């Protein structure tokens, strides 16, 4: 997931440089909406990258720890009620606990599949599909 986000940031940064370069050196001015659109996508990809890179799910013998931007949650294995694949067409996994549920995508296939397998093995729940 990191590679597509970085490609998106790189692409929109290149577009902004191209549009500014055309305006400064080529005297070909773009409408203000073009600048706003490019800045919006840079803001969007920047926000997604900040959020994505600050999330961590750690599995140990005591439970699952989820660390996010401004949040920290530890769930012992006895509180994990089920682990399942959310949607076979758009990969993702859902972990239901006594307090609430959380999910994570399956877009980073090998790493997230390994995380899913570890949660299933330690919690002794899951559909193992």
C-alpha atoms as a PDB file:
ATOM      1  CA  UNK A   1       0.000   0.000   0.000  1.00  0.00           C
ATOM      2  CA  UNK A   2       2.916   2.338   0.562  1.00  0.00           C
ATOM      3  CA  UNK A   3       4.041   2.166  -3.060  1.00  0.00           C
ATOM      4  CA  UNK A   4       0.700   3.321  -4.599  1.00  0.00           C
ATOM      5  CA  UNK A   5       0.459   6.177  -2.105  1.00  0.00           C
ATOM      6  CA  UNK A   6       3.993   7.313  -2.861  1.00  0.00           C
ATOM      7  CA  UNK A   7       3.357   7.002  -6.611  1.00  0.00           C
ATOM      8  CA  UNK A   8       0.246   9.178  -6.196  1.00  0.00           C
ATOM      9  CA  UNK A   9       2.155  11.824  -4.237  1.00  0.00           C
ATOM     10  CA  UNK A  10       4.965  11.757  -6.790  1.00  0.00           C
ATOM     11  CA  UNK A  11       2.556  12.018  -9.733  1.00  0.00           C
ATOM     12  CA  UNK A  12       0.648  14.997  -8.328  1.00  0.00           C
ATOM     13  CA  UNK A  13       3.869  16.729  -7.271  1.00  0.00           C
ATOM     14  CA  UNK A  14       5.149  16.295 -10.829  1.00  0.00           C
ATOM     15  CA  UNK A  15       1.874  17.709 -12.189  1.00  0.00           C
ATOM     16  CA  UNK A  16       2.139  20.741  -9.912  1.00  0.00           C
ATOM     17  CA  UNK A  17       5.735  21.339 -11.005  1.00  0.00           C
ATOM     18  CA  UNK A  18       4.712  20.995 -14.653  1.00  0.00           C
ATOM     19  CA  UNK A  19       1.814  23.453 -14.351  1.00  0.00           C
ATOM     20  CA  UNK A  20       3.917  25.981 -12.433  1.00  0.00           C
ATOM     21  CA  UNK A  21       6.761  25.534 -14.943  1.00  0.00           C
ATOM     22  CA  UNK A  22       4.361  26.200 -17.836  1.00  0.00           C
ATOM     23  CA  UNK A  23       3.071  29.325 -16.115  1.00  0.00           C
ATOM     24  CA  UNK A  24       6.509  30.732 -15.248  1.00  0.00           C
ATOM     25  CA  UNK A  25       8.576  29.822 -18.299  1.00  0.00           C
ATOM     26  CA  UNK A  26       6.062  29.106 -21.030  1.00  0.00           C
ATOM     27  CA  UNK A  27       3.616  31.884 -20.186  1.00  0.00           C
ATOM     28  CA  UNK A  28       0.806  29.367 -20.506  1.00  0.00           C
ATOM     29  CA  UNK A  29      -1.403  30.064 -17.516  1.00  0.00           C
ATOM     30  CA  UNK A  30      -3.824  27.473 -16.225  1.00  0.00           C
ATOM     31  CA  UNK A  31      -7.128  28.393 -14.593  1.00  0.00           C
ATOM     32  CA  UNK A  32      -7.083  28.573 -10.774  1.00  0.00           C
ATOM     33  CA  UNK A  33      -9.194  25.391 -10.608  1.00  0.00           C
ATOM     34  CA  UNK A  34      -6.251  23.412 -12.030  1.00  0.00           C
ATOM     35  CA  UNK A  35      -3.997  24.542  -9.194  1.00  0.00           C
ATOM     36  CA  UNK A  36      -6.703  23.890  -6.621  1.00  0.00           C
ATOM     37  CA  UNK A  37      -7.361  20.421  -8.034  1.00  0.00           C
ATOM     38  CA  UNK A  38      -3.692  19.460  -7.919  1.00  0.00           C
ATOM     39  CA  UNK A  39      -3.294  20.870  -4.396  1.00  0.00           C
ATOM     40  CA  UNK A  40      -6.413  18.948  -3.316  1.00  0.00           C
ATOM     41  CA  UNK A  41      -4.962  15.648  -4.517  1.00  0.00           C
ATOM     42  CA  UNK A  42      -1.621  16.399  -2.853  1.00  0.00           C
ATOM     43  CA  UNK A  43      -3.492  17.156   0.374  1.00  0.00           C
ATOM     44  CA  UNK A  44      -5.550  13.962  -0.024  1.00  0.00           C
ATOM     45  CA  UNK A  45      -2.568  11.674  -0.645  1.00  0.00           C
ATOM     46  CA  UNK A  46      -0.568  13.436   2.077  1.00  0.00           C
ATOM     47  CA  UNK A  47      -3.356  12.893   4.607  1.00  0.00           C
ATOM     48  CA  UNK A  48      -3.751   9.253   3.621  1.00  0.00           C
ATOM     49  CA  UNK A  49      -0.012   8.670   3.889  1.00  0.00           C
ATOM     50  CA  UNK A  50       0.146  10.320   7.337  1.00  0.00           C
ATOM     51  CA  UNK A  51      -2.762   8.197   8.555  1.00  0.00           C
ATOM     52  CA  UNK A  52      -1.555   4.946   6.971  1.00  0.00           C
ATOM     53  CA  UNK A  53       2.070   5.260   8.074  1.00  0.00           C
ATOM     54  CA  UNK A  54       1.058   5.992  11.682  1.00  0.00           C
ATOM     55  CA  UNK A  55      -1.079   2.842  12.115  1.00  0.00           C
ATOM     56  CA  UNK A  56       0.409  -0.262  13.683  1.00  0.00           C
ATOM     57  CA  UNK A  57      -1.101  -3.602  14.707  1.00  0.00           C
ATOM     58  CA  UNK A  58       1.150  -5.736  16.902  1.00  0.00           C
ATOM     59  CA  UNK A  59       0.512  -9.332  17.941  1.00  0.00           C
ATOM     60  CA  UNK A  60       2.156 -10.845  21.019  1.00  0.00           C
ATOM     61  CA  UNK A  61       1.412 -13.714  23.384  1.00  0.00           C
ATOM     62  CA  UNK A  62      -0.851 -11.521  25.519  1.00  0.00           C
ATOM     63  CA  UNK A  63      -3.077  -9.987  22.865  1.00  0.00           C
ATOM     64  CA  UNK A  64      -3.379  -7.555  19.985  1.00  0.00           C
ATOM     65  CA  UNK A  65      -2.174  -3.960  20.237  1.00  0.00           C
ATOM     66  CA  UNK A  66      -3.516  -1.329  17.837  1.00  0.00           C
ATOM     67  CA  UNK A  67      -1.720   2.000  17.674  1.00  0.00           C
ATOM     68  CA  UNK A  68      -3.187   4.730  15.522  1.00  0.00           C
ATOM     69  CA  UNK A  69      -2.881   8.476  15.209  1.00  0.00           C
ATOM     70  CA  UNK A  70      -3.950   9.581  18.661  1.00  0.00           C
ATOM     71  CA  UNK A  71      -5.188   6.188  19.829  1.00  0.00           C
ATOM     72  CA  UNK A  72      -3.867   3.119  21.612  1.00  0.00           C
ATOM     73  CA  UNK A  73      -5.821  -0.049  22.293  1.00  0.00           C
ATOM     74  CA  UNK A  74      -4.770  -3.415  23.679  1.00  0.00           C
ATOM     75  CA  UNK A  75      -7.126  -6.422  23.465  1.00  0.00           C
ATOM     76  CA  UNK A  76      -6.337  -9.671  25.326  1.00  0.00           C
ATOM     77  CA  UNK A  77      -6.854 -12.903  23.395  1.00  0.00           C
ATOM     78  CA  UNK A  78      -9.797 -13.933  25.602  1.00  0.00           C
ATOM     79  CA  UNK A  79     -11.714 -10.858  24.378  1.00  0.00           C
ATOM     80  CA  UNK A  80     -11.370 -11.718  20.675  1.00  0.00           C
ATOM     81  CA  UNK A  81     -14.719 -13.214  19.629  1.00  0.00           C
ATOM     82  CA  UNK A  82     -14.178 -13.830  15.916  1.00  0.00           C
ATOM     83  CA  UNK A  83     -11.830 -13.210  13.026  1.00  0.00           C
ATOM     84  CA  UNK A  84     -13.100 -13.315   9.469  1.00  0.00           C
ATOM     85  CA  UNK A  85     -12.484 -12.303   5.876  1.00  0.00           C
ATOM     86  CA  UNK A  86     -14.711  -9.295   5.199  1.00  0.00           C
ATOM     87  CA  UNK A  87     -15.140  -9.521   1.433  1.00  0.00           C
ATOM     88  CA  UNK A  88     -13.498 -11.957  -0.973  1.00  0.00           C
ATOM     89  CA  UNK A  89     -13.596  -9.440  -3.862  1.00  0.00           C
ATOM     90  CA  UNK A  90     -11.948  -6.564  -1.992  1.00  0.00           C
ATOM     91  CA  UNK A  91      -9.599  -8.208   0.484  1.00  0.00           C
ATOM     92  CA  UNK A  92      -9.885  -7.240   4.101  1.00  0.00           C
ATOM     93  CA  UNK A  93     -10.116  -8.794   7.528  1.00  0.00           C
ATOM     94  CA  UNK A  94     -12.330  -8.070  10.521  1.00  0.00           C
ATOM     95  CA  UNK A  95     -11.586  -8.826  14.158  1.00  0.00           C
ATOM     96  CA  UNK A  96     -14.587  -8.655  16.505  1.00  0.00           C
ATOM     97  CA  UNK A  97     -13.806  -8.157  20.181  1.00  0.00           C
ATOM     98  CA  UNK A  98     -15.938  -7.710  23.284  1.00  0.00           C
ATOM     99  CA  UNK A  99     -15.604  -3.919  23.145  1.00  0.00           C
ATOM    100  CA  UNK A 100     -15.679  -3.203  19.422  1.00  0.00           C
ATOM    101  CA  UNK A 101     -14.539  -4.460  16.062  1.00  0.00           C
ATOM    102  CA  UNK A 102     -11.577  -3.392  13.994  1.00  0.00           C
ATOM    103  CA  UNK A 103     -10.463  -4.278  10.529  1.00  0.00           C
ATOM    104  CA  UNK A 104      -7.488  -4.063   8.265  1.00  0.00           C
ATOM    105  CA  UNK A 105      -7.137  -4.338   4.537  1.00  0.00           C
ATOM    106  CA  UNK A 106      -5.709  -7.241   2.641  1.00  0.00           C
ATOM    107  CA  UNK A 107      -4.042  -5.019   0.051  1.00  0.00           C
ATOM    108  CA  UNK A 108      -0.537  -5.826   1.300  1.00  0.00           C
ATOM    109  CA  UNK A 109      -1.245  -9.483   0.691  1.00  0.00           C
ATOM    110  CA  UNK A 110       1.583 -11.391   2.332  1.00  0.00           C
ATOM    111  CA  UNK A 111       2.001  -9.122   5.368  1.00  0.00           C
ATOM    112  CA  UNK A 112      -1.696  -8.730   6.146  1.00  0.00           C
ATOM    113  CA  UNK A 113      -2.399 -12.409   5.470  1.00  0.00           C
ATOM    114  CA  UNK A 114       0.358 -13.278   7.958  1.00  0.00           C
ATOM    115  CA  UNK A 115      -1.176 -10.864  10.500  1.00  0.00           C
ATOM    116  CA  UNK A 116      -4.575 -12.500   9.953  1.00  0.00           C
ATOM    117  CA  UNK A 117      -3.083 -15.978  10.407  1.00  0.00           C
ATOM    118  CA  UNK A 118      -1.352 -14.934  13.639  1.00  0.00           C
ATOM    119  CA  UNK A 119      -4.540 -13.431  15.089  1.00  0.00           C
ATOM    120  CA  UNK A 120      -6.505 -16.557  14.152  1.00  0.00           C
ATOM    121  CA  UNK A 121      -3.864 -18.859  15.651  1.00  0.00           C
ATOM    122  CA  UNK A 122      -3.493 -16.980  18.934  1.00  0.00           C
ATOM    123  CA  UNK A 123      -7.188 -16.255  19.436  1.00  0.00           C
ATOM    124  CA  UNK A 124      -8.312 -19.722  18.311  1.00  0.00           C
ATOM    125  CA  UNK A 125     -11.114 -18.109  16.266  1.00  0.00           C
ATOM    126  CA  UNK A 126     -11.581 -17.429  12.607  1.00  0.00           C
ATOM    127  CA  UNK A 127     -12.905 -18.973   9.437  1.00  0.00           C
ATOM    128  CA  UNK A 128      -9.451 -20.024   8.067  1.00  0.00           C
ATOM    129  CA  UNK A 129     -10.519 -19.439   4.443  1.00  0.00           C
END
